[in-house]
Amino acid sequence: MLLPIQTGQDNPILRQKSAEVKKLTAQLKRLTLDMAETMEVKDGIGLAAPQIGQLLRIIVVKPNPKEKTLILINPEIKKFSRKKDVMAEGCLSLPNIEAPVERAVKITVQALDLNGRKIKIKAKGLSARVIQHEVDHLEGILIVDKRAS
């Protein structure tokens, strides 16, 4: 089911911190799969639960169309590389806005998968960038807040 996307940099939902998922219910699993479908249909490469009006720590990412969608519940970035780069980013919640954002080139992230199992992922390049972008949404941070000078 397609979900409506929250938009606007002054939208209060997009400016709040999200709550940790305590229990992975069938309803939450369905919501997560709906998020993945919405992301794909809207031609996004990442989507965070606050973007669909749910203040929960859930993100879905798919920076490469040939790879499977990555679902991360309660994601926590454990390690950032010292090497960073700046790249223009867009956002489904901020249509027609791009901002140059500095991000770590490599990260290590820990989360739960859709079955509630702990996973640890090392990501680099675009995958690392997208995960960092979506985790920012969980903290109420948008690309306009991180614009590189």
N, C-alpha and C. Protein backbone atom coordinates (compact mmCIF):
# COMPACT_ATOMS: atom_id res chain seq x y z
N MET A 1 0.84 -1.17 0.00
CA MET A 1 0.00 0.00 0.00
C MET A 1 0.89 1.25 0.00
N LEU A 2 0.60 2.17 -0.90
CA LEU A 2 1.36 3.42 -0.95
C LEU A 2 0.99 4.30 0.24
N LEU A 3 2.01 4.91 0.81
CA LEU A 3 1.82 5.76 1.98
C LEU A 3 2.07 7.21 1.60
N PRO A 4 1.30 8.15 2.17
CA PRO A 4 1.55 9.57 1.88
C PRO A 4 2.84 10.03 2.54
N ILE A 5 3.61 10.83 1.81
CA ILE A 5 4.89 11.32 2.32
C ILE A 5 4.71 12.71 2.91
N GLN A 6 5.23 12.88 4.13
CA GLN A 6 5.22 14.17 4.81
C GLN A 6 6.24 15.08 4.11
N THR A 7 5.86 16.31 3.83
CA THR A 7 6.78 17.22 3.15
C THR A 7 6.88 18.55 3.87
N GLY A 8 7.95 19.28 3.57
CA GLY A 8 8.15 20.64 4.09
C GLY A 8 9.13 20.69 5.24
N GLN A 9 10.10 21.60 5.12
CA GLN A 9 11.13 21.68 6.16
C GLN A 9 10.61 22.19 7.49
N ASP A 10 9.42 22.76 7.51
CA ASP A 10 8.83 23.23 8.77
C ASP A 10 7.78 22.26 9.31
N ASN A 11 7.64 21.10 8.67
CA ASN A 11 6.67 20.10 9.12
C ASN A 11 7.12 19.56 10.49
N PRO A 12 6.27 19.72 11.54
CA PRO A 12 6.69 19.31 12.88
C PRO A 12 7.03 17.83 13.01
N ILE A 13 6.37 16.97 12.25
CA ILE A 13 6.67 15.52 12.30
C ILE A 13 8.11 15.26 11.88
N LEU A 14 8.58 15.99 10.87
CA LEU A 14 9.93 15.78 10.35
C LEU A 14 11.00 16.37 11.26
N ARG A 15 10.60 17.11 12.27
CA ARG A 15 11.54 17.78 13.17
C ARG A 15 11.64 17.13 14.54
N GLN A 16 10.97 15.98 14.72
CA GLN A 16 10.99 15.31 16.02
C GLN A 16 11.88 14.08 15.99
N LYS A 17 12.37 13.70 17.17
CA LYS A 17 13.12 12.46 17.30
C LYS A 17 12.15 11.29 17.30
N SER A 18 12.58 10.20 16.71
CA SER A 18 11.74 9.01 16.63
C SER A 18 12.00 8.07 17.80
N ALA A 19 10.98 7.31 18.16
CA ALA A 19 11.07 6.36 19.27
C ALA A 19 11.61 5.02 18.80
N GLU A 20 12.34 4.38 19.68
CA GLU A 20 12.85 3.03 19.41
C GLU A 20 11.68 2.05 19.27
N VAL A 21 11.82 1.12 18.36
CA VAL A 21 10.81 0.06 18.20
C VAL A 21 11.07 -0.96 19.31
N LYS A 22 10.08 -1.17 20.16
CA LYS A 22 10.22 -2.10 21.29
C LYS A 22 9.82 -3.52 20.91
N LYS A 23 8.78 -3.64 20.09
CA LYS A 23 8.28 -4.96 19.71
C LYS A 23 7.92 -4.94 18.23
N LEU A 24 8.43 -5.91 17.51
CA LEU A 24 8.18 -5.99 16.07
C LEU A 24 6.91 -6.78 15.81
N THR A 25 5.81 -6.07 15.67
CA THR A 25 4.50 -6.70 15.46
C THR A 25 4.25 -6.93 13.97
N ALA A 26 3.23 -7.71 13.68
CA ALA A 26 2.83 -7.94 12.28
C ALA A 26 2.46 -6.61 11.62
N GLN A 27 1.83 -5.74 12.37
CA GLN A 27 1.43 -4.43 11.85
C GLN A 27 2.67 -3.59 11.48
N LEU A 28 3.70 -3.63 12.32
CA LEU A 28 4.93 -2.89 12.02
C LEU A 28 5.66 -3.48 10.82
N LYS A 29 5.65 -4.80 10.71
CA LYS A 29 6.27 -5.45 9.54
C LYS A 29 5.56 -5.02 8.26
N ARG A 30 4.24 -4.96 8.30
CA ARG A 30 3.45 -4.52 7.14
C ARG A 30 3.79 -3.07 6.79
N LEU A 31 3.87 -2.22 7.82
CA LEU A 31 4.21 -0.82 7.62
C LEU A 31 5.58 -0.70 6.93
N THR A 32 6.53 -1.50 7.38
CA THR A 32 7.88 -1.47 6.82
C THR A 32 7.87 -1.88 5.35
N LEU A 33 7.12 -2.91 5.02
CA LEU A 33 7.02 -3.34 3.62
C LEU A 33 6.31 -2.28 2.77
N ASP A 34 5.31 -1.61 3.36
CA ASP A 34 4.64 -0.52 2.66
C ASP A 34 5.60 0.66 2.44
N MET A 35 6.48 0.89 3.40
CA MET A 35 7.49 1.94 3.24
C MET A 35 8.40 1.62 2.04
N ALA A 36 8.82 0.36 1.95
CA ALA A 36 9.70 -0.05 0.85
C ALA A 36 9.00 0.14 -0.49
N GLU A 37 7.73 -0.23 -0.55
CA GLU A 37 6.96 -0.08 -1.79
C GLU A 37 6.81 1.41 -2.15
N THR A 38 6.51 2.22 -1.16
CA THR A 38 6.35 3.66 -1.38
C THR A 38 7.65 4.27 -1.89
N MET A 39 8.77 3.90 -1.28
CA MET A 39 10.07 4.40 -1.70
C MET A 39 10.32 4.09 -3.17
N GLU A 40 10.05 2.85 -3.56
CA GLU A 40 10.30 2.42 -4.94
C GLU A 40 9.39 3.16 -5.92
N VAL A 41 8.11 3.23 -5.62
CA VAL A 41 7.16 3.89 -6.52
C VAL A 41 7.48 5.37 -6.69
N LYS A 42 7.96 6.00 -5.62
CA LYS A 42 8.29 7.43 -5.65
C LYS A 42 9.71 7.68 -6.17
N ASP A 43 10.37 6.62 -6.65
CA ASP A 43 11.73 6.71 -7.18
C ASP A 43 12.74 7.21 -6.15
N GLY A 44 12.53 6.82 -4.90
CA GLY A 44 13.48 7.18 -3.86
C GLY A 44 14.51 6.07 -3.69
N ILE A 45 15.58 6.40 -2.97
CA ILE A 45 16.59 5.38 -2.65
C ILE A 45 16.68 5.16 -1.15
N GLY A 46 15.82 5.86 -0.42
CA GLY A 46 15.75 5.68 1.02
C GLY A 46 14.48 6.34 1.55
N LEU A 47 14.00 5.82 2.68
CA LEU A 47 12.80 6.38 3.31
C LEU A 47 12.85 6.05 4.80
N ALA A 48 12.53 7.04 5.62
CA ALA A 48 12.49 6.85 7.07
C ALA A 48 11.05 6.98 7.54
N ALA A 49 10.72 6.26 8.61
CA ALA A 49 9.34 6.25 9.12
C ALA A 49 8.76 7.65 9.37
N PRO A 50 9.52 8.62 9.89
CA PRO A 50 8.92 9.94 10.08
C PRO A 50 8.41 10.56 8.77
N GLN A 51 9.00 10.17 7.65
CA GLN A 51 8.58 10.71 6.36
C GLN A 51 7.18 10.25 5.96
N ILE A 52 6.70 9.19 6.61
CA ILE A 52 5.33 8.74 6.34
C ILE A 52 4.46 8.94 7.59
N GLY A 53 4.94 9.82 8.47
CA GLY A 53 4.14 10.23 9.62
C GLY A 53 4.23 9.34 10.84
N GLN A 54 5.21 8.42 10.86
CA GLN A 54 5.37 7.51 12.00
C GLN A 54 6.69 7.80 12.71
N LEU A 55 6.62 8.23 13.94
CA LEU A 55 7.84 8.56 14.69
C LEU A 55 8.46 7.31 15.30
N LEU A 56 8.91 6.44 14.42
CA LEU A 56 9.54 5.17 14.80
C LEU A 56 10.90 5.07 14.13
N ARG A 57 11.84 4.38 14.79
CA ARG A 57 13.20 4.25 14.25
C ARG A 57 13.26 3.10 13.24
N ILE A 58 12.72 3.37 12.07
CA ILE A 58 12.71 2.39 10.97
C ILE A 58 13.13 3.13 9.70
N ILE A 59 14.08 2.52 8.95
CA ILE A 59 14.45 3.06 7.65
C ILE A 59 14.50 1.93 6.63
N VAL A 60 14.27 2.29 5.38
CA VAL A 60 14.44 1.36 4.27
C VAL A 60 15.33 2.06 3.25
N VAL A 61 16.30 1.33 2.70
CA VAL A 61 17.21 1.92 1.72
C VAL A 61 17.44 0.96 0.56
N LYS A 62 17.57 1.55 -0.61
CA LYS A 62 17.88 0.77 -1.81
C LYS A 62 18.60 1.68 -2.81
N PRO A 63 19.89 1.96 -2.53
CA PRO A 63 20.63 2.86 -3.41
C PRO A 63 20.96 2.26 -4.77
N ASN A 64 20.95 0.94 -4.85
CA ASN A 64 21.26 0.25 -6.10
C ASN A 64 20.04 -0.56 -6.53
N PRO A 65 19.47 -0.26 -7.69
CA PRO A 65 18.25 -0.97 -8.12
C PRO A 65 18.45 -2.47 -8.30
N LYS A 66 19.70 -2.92 -8.43
CA LYS A 66 19.97 -4.35 -8.62
C LYS A 66 20.05 -5.10 -7.29
N GLU A 67 20.10 -4.37 -6.20
CA GLU A 67 20.20 -5.00 -4.88
C GLU A 67 18.84 -5.03 -4.20
N LYS A 68 18.76 -5.87 -3.16
CA LYS A 68 17.55 -6.00 -2.37
C LYS A 68 17.40 -4.78 -1.45
N THR A 69 16.17 -4.43 -1.14
CA THR A 69 15.92 -3.33 -0.20
C THR A 69 16.43 -3.73 1.18
N LEU A 70 17.15 -2.82 1.80
CA LEU A 70 17.69 -3.04 3.13
C LEU A 70 16.75 -2.41 4.14
N ILE A 71 16.27 -3.21 5.08
CA ILE A 71 15.37 -2.73 6.13
C ILE A 71 16.16 -2.70 7.43
N LEU A 72 16.19 -1.53 8.06
CA LEU A 72 16.94 -1.37 9.31
C LEU A 72 16.00 -0.82 10.38
N ILE A 73 15.84 -1.58 11.45
CA ILE A 73 14.99 -1.19 12.57
C ILE A 73 15.90 -0.83 13.74
N ASN A 74 15.66 0.32 14.34
CA ASN A 74 16.51 0.87 15.40
C ASN A 74 17.97 0.96 14.96
N PRO A 75 18.22 1.53 13.77
CA PRO A 75 19.60 1.61 13.30
C PRO A 75 20.45 2.55 14.16
N GLU A 76 21.69 2.14 14.36
CA GLU A 76 22.63 2.94 15.13
C GLU A 76 23.97 2.89 14.41
N ILE A 77 24.44 4.04 14.00
CA ILE A 77 25.74 4.08 13.32
C ILE A 77 26.82 4.02 14.38
N LYS A 78 27.60 2.95 14.34
CA LYS A 78 28.62 2.68 15.36
C LYS A 78 29.98 3.27 14.99
N LYS A 79 30.24 3.39 13.68
CA LYS A 79 31.55 3.86 13.26
C LYS A 79 31.41 4.68 11.98
N PHE A 80 32.10 5.82 11.96
CA PHE A 80 32.17 6.68 10.78
C PHE A 80 33.63 6.75 10.34
N SER A 81 33.88 6.67 9.05
CA SER A 81 35.25 6.82 8.57
C SER A 81 35.68 8.28 8.76
N ARG A 82 36.98 8.48 8.87
CA ARG A 82 37.48 9.85 8.95
C ARG A 82 37.34 10.55 7.61
N LYS A 83 37.46 9.76 6.55
CA LYS A 83 37.35 10.33 5.21
C LYS A 83 35.89 10.68 4.94
N LYS A 84 35.70 11.90 4.46
CA LYS A 84 34.35 12.39 4.15
C LYS A 84 34.34 12.94 2.73
N ASP A 85 33.15 13.08 2.19
CA ASP A 85 33.01 13.79 0.92
C ASP A 85 31.70 14.58 0.93
N VAL A 86 31.63 15.52 0.01
CA VAL A 86 30.44 16.36 -0.11
C VAL A 86 29.74 15.99 -1.41
N MET A 87 28.43 15.82 -1.32
CA MET A 87 27.65 15.47 -2.49
C MET A 87 26.27 16.12 -2.37
N ALA A 88 25.69 16.50 -3.49
CA ALA A 88 24.33 17.06 -3.47
C ALA A 88 23.35 15.94 -3.15
N GLU A 89 22.44 16.21 -2.23
CA GLU A 89 21.42 15.24 -1.85
C GLU A 89 20.04 15.85 -2.07
N GLY A 90 19.11 14.98 -2.42
CA GLY A 90 17.71 15.34 -2.50
C GLY A 90 16.96 14.57 -1.43
N CYS A 91 15.67 14.82 -1.32
CA CYS A 91 14.87 14.16 -0.28
C CYS A 91 13.41 14.14 -0.72
N LEU A 92 12.76 12.99 -0.55
CA LEU A 92 11.35 12.89 -0.91
C LEU A 92 10.48 13.85 -0.11
N SER A 93 10.94 14.23 1.09
CA SER A 93 10.17 15.16 1.93
C SER A 93 10.43 16.62 1.59
N LEU A 94 11.45 16.87 0.77
CA LEU A 94 11.77 18.25 0.37
C LEU A 94 11.84 18.31 -1.15
N PRO A 95 10.68 18.20 -1.81
CA PRO A 95 10.69 18.19 -3.27
C PRO A 95 11.34 19.45 -3.84
N ASN A 96 12.07 19.27 -4.91
CA ASN A 96 12.72 20.38 -5.63
C ASN A 96 13.81 21.08 -4.84
N ILE A 97 14.32 20.44 -3.80
CA ILE A 97 15.43 21.02 -3.03
C ILE A 97 16.59 20.03 -3.07
N GLU A 98 17.77 20.56 -3.38
CA GLU A 98 19.00 19.78 -3.27
C GLU A 98 19.95 20.58 -2.40
N ALA A 99 20.74 19.88 -1.61
CA ALA A 99 21.71 20.55 -0.76
C ALA A 99 23.00 19.74 -0.74
N PRO A 100 24.16 20.41 -0.82
CA PRO A 100 25.42 19.71 -0.68
C PRO A 100 25.62 19.33 0.80
N VAL A 101 25.87 18.05 1.05
CA VAL A 101 26.00 17.57 2.42
C VAL A 101 27.29 16.77 2.55
N GLU A 102 28.05 17.06 3.62
CA GLU A 102 29.27 16.30 3.91
C GLU A 102 28.90 15.08 4.74
N ARG A 103 29.39 13.91 4.30
CA ARG A 103 29.11 12.67 5.03
C ARG A 103 30.35 11.78 5.02
N ALA A 104 30.40 10.87 5.98
CA ALA A 104 31.47 9.87 6.01
C ALA A 104 31.34 8.96 4.80
N VAL A 105 32.47 8.56 4.25
CA VAL A 105 32.49 7.70 3.06
C VAL A 105 32.16 6.25 3.43
N LYS A 106 32.54 5.84 4.65
CA LYS A 106 32.26 4.48 5.12
C LYS A 106 31.66 4.55 6.52
N ILE A 107 30.74 3.64 6.78
CA ILE A 107 30.14 3.54 8.12
C ILE A 107 29.93 2.08 8.50
N THR A 108 29.77 1.86 9.78
CA THR A 108 29.32 0.57 10.29
C THR A 108 28.04 0.84 11.06
N VAL A 109 26.99 0.12 10.70
CA VAL A 109 25.68 0.34 11.33
C VAL A 109 25.18 -0.97 11.93
N GLN A 110 24.57 -0.85 13.09
CA GLN A 110 23.97 -2.00 13.77
C GLN A 110 22.47 -1.74 13.85
N ALA A 111 21.68 -2.78 13.63
CA ALA A 111 20.22 -2.63 13.64
C ALA A 111 19.58 -3.99 13.83
N LEU A 112 18.26 -4.00 13.76
CA LEU A 112 17.50 -5.24 13.70
C LEU A 112 16.96 -5.38 12.29
N ASP A 113 16.85 -6.62 11.82
CA ASP A 113 16.22 -6.85 10.52
C ASP A 113 14.72 -7.04 10.73
N LEU A 114 14.02 -7.36 9.66
CA LEU A 114 12.56 -7.49 9.73
C LEU A 114 12.11 -8.65 10.61
N ASN A 115 13.03 -9.58 10.90
CA ASN A 115 12.70 -10.71 11.78
C ASN A 115 13.14 -10.47 13.22
N GLY A 116 13.64 -9.26 13.49
CA GLY A 116 14.06 -8.93 14.85
C GLY A 116 15.45 -9.41 15.20
N ARG A 117 16.20 -9.89 14.20
CA ARG A 117 17.58 -10.35 14.45
C ARG A 117 18.54 -9.18 14.35
N LYS A 118 19.56 -9.19 15.24
CA LYS A 118 20.59 -8.15 15.19
C LYS A 118 21.44 -8.34 13.95
N ILE A 119 21.70 -7.24 13.26
CA ILE A 119 22.58 -7.29 12.09
C ILE A 119 23.59 -6.15 12.20
N LYS A 120 24.74 -6.38 11.59
CA LYS A 120 25.80 -5.36 11.54
C LYS A 120 26.21 -5.24 10.08
N ILE A 121 26.22 -4.03 9.57
CA ILE A 121 26.50 -3.82 8.15
C ILE A 121 27.60 -2.79 8.01
N LYS A 122 28.53 -3.09 7.11
CA LYS A 122 29.54 -2.11 6.73
C LYS A 122 29.11 -1.58 5.37
N ALA A 123 28.93 -0.28 5.29
CA ALA A 123 28.48 0.34 4.05
C ALA A 123 29.48 1.39 3.61
N LYS A 124 29.57 1.57 2.29
CA LYS A 124 30.46 2.61 1.76
C LYS A 124 29.80 3.28 0.57
N GLY A 125 30.36 4.41 0.19
CA GLY A 125 29.85 5.13 -0.97
C GLY A 125 28.40 5.58 -0.80
N LEU A 126 27.62 5.38 -1.86
CA LEU A 126 26.23 5.84 -1.86
C LEU A 126 25.40 5.14 -0.77
N SER A 127 25.66 3.86 -0.54
CA SER A 127 24.92 3.15 0.52
C SER A 127 25.15 3.81 1.88
N ALA A 128 26.40 4.14 2.19
CA ALA A 128 26.72 4.80 3.46
C ALA A 128 26.03 6.16 3.54
N ARG A 129 26.05 6.89 2.46
CA ARG A 129 25.42 8.22 2.41
C ARG A 129 23.92 8.12 2.66
N VAL A 130 23.26 7.19 2.00
CA VAL A 130 21.80 7.06 2.13
C VAL A 130 21.43 6.65 3.56
N ILE A 131 22.16 5.72 4.14
CA ILE A 131 21.87 5.30 5.52
C ILE A 131 22.02 6.49 6.46
N GLN A 132 23.11 7.27 6.31
CA GLN A 132 23.31 8.44 7.17
C GLN A 132 22.16 9.45 7.00
N HIS A 133 21.74 9.66 5.77
CA HIS A 133 20.63 10.59 5.47
C HIS A 133 19.36 10.13 6.19
N GLU A 134 19.05 8.84 6.08
CA GLU A 134 17.81 8.33 6.68
C GLU A 134 17.89 8.32 8.20
N VAL A 135 19.05 8.01 8.77
CA VAL A 135 19.21 8.06 10.23
C VAL A 135 19.04 9.50 10.72
N ASP A 136 19.50 10.47 9.94
CA ASP A 136 19.26 11.88 10.31
C ASP A 136 17.76 12.15 10.47
N HIS A 137 16.95 11.60 9.57
CA HIS A 137 15.49 11.79 9.68
C HIS A 137 14.98 11.30 11.03
N LEU A 138 15.56 10.24 11.56
CA LEU A 138 15.12 9.69 12.85
C LEU A 138 15.43 10.64 14.00
N GLU A 139 16.35 11.58 13.75
CA GLU A 139 16.73 12.57 14.76
C GLU A 139 16.07 13.92 14.51
N GLY A 140 15.23 14.00 13.47
CA GLY A 140 14.57 15.26 13.15
C GLY A 140 15.46 16.22 12.37
N ILE A 141 16.49 15.68 11.71
CA ILE A 141 17.45 16.49 10.95
C ILE A 141 17.20 16.32 9.46
N LEU A 142 17.19 17.44 8.74
CA LEU A 142 16.98 17.44 7.30
C LEU A 142 18.24 17.93 6.58
N ILE A 143 18.31 17.68 5.27
CA ILE A 143 19.50 18.07 4.51
C ILE A 143 19.74 19.58 4.55
N VAL A 144 18.69 20.37 4.66
CA VAL A 144 18.88 21.83 4.72
C VAL A 144 19.59 22.24 6.02
N ASP A 145 19.56 21.39 7.03
CA ASP A 145 20.24 21.67 8.30
C ASP A 145 21.73 21.33 8.21
N LYS A 146 22.09 20.48 7.27
CA LYS A 146 23.47 19.98 7.17
C LYS A 146 24.19 20.52 5.95
N ARG A 147 23.60 21.50 5.30
CA ARG A 147 24.17 22.07 4.08
C ARG A 147 25.65 22.41 4.30
N ALA A 148 26.51 21.86 3.44
CA ALA A 148 27.95 22.13 3.53
C ALA A 148 28.22 23.52 2.98
N SER A 149 29.17 24.21 3.62
CA SER A 149 29.47 25.57 3.14
C SER A 149 30.56 25.56 2.09
